[in-house]
């Protein structure tokens, strides 16, 4: 039979180990300046004809129109930015050209995080 002291130490060790293993969204810091800069870099790379993969590992980003082969002709960051505490939601007006040459404009939102890594994802 195990002694109560050994059992107590085992329970204490399990509690201490599990207490430090969880991170919540509240633990992630948002750097708003870095988020804005990263979104601009992401969109500029697309406009310059580069691939999103070229930005890795510094920026991990995804936009389905970019993935589909659409060209970004121009972009304009809009002023109604929203900070949810973990991510910055940045509205952007995109001027696109499809593979078939059709021009279009879209108002979209990019969700940008800066911790633990920089992510730029179209909402």
Foldseek 3Di string as FASTA:
>chain_A
DDDPVVVVVVVVVVVVVVVPPDDDLLNAAADVVVQVVLVVVQLVCQQVVHAQVVCPPQEREDDVQSVQPKGFPDKDWDDPWDDPRFWIWIWMWTWIAHPVGDTDIDTWIWTFGPPPHTYTYTD
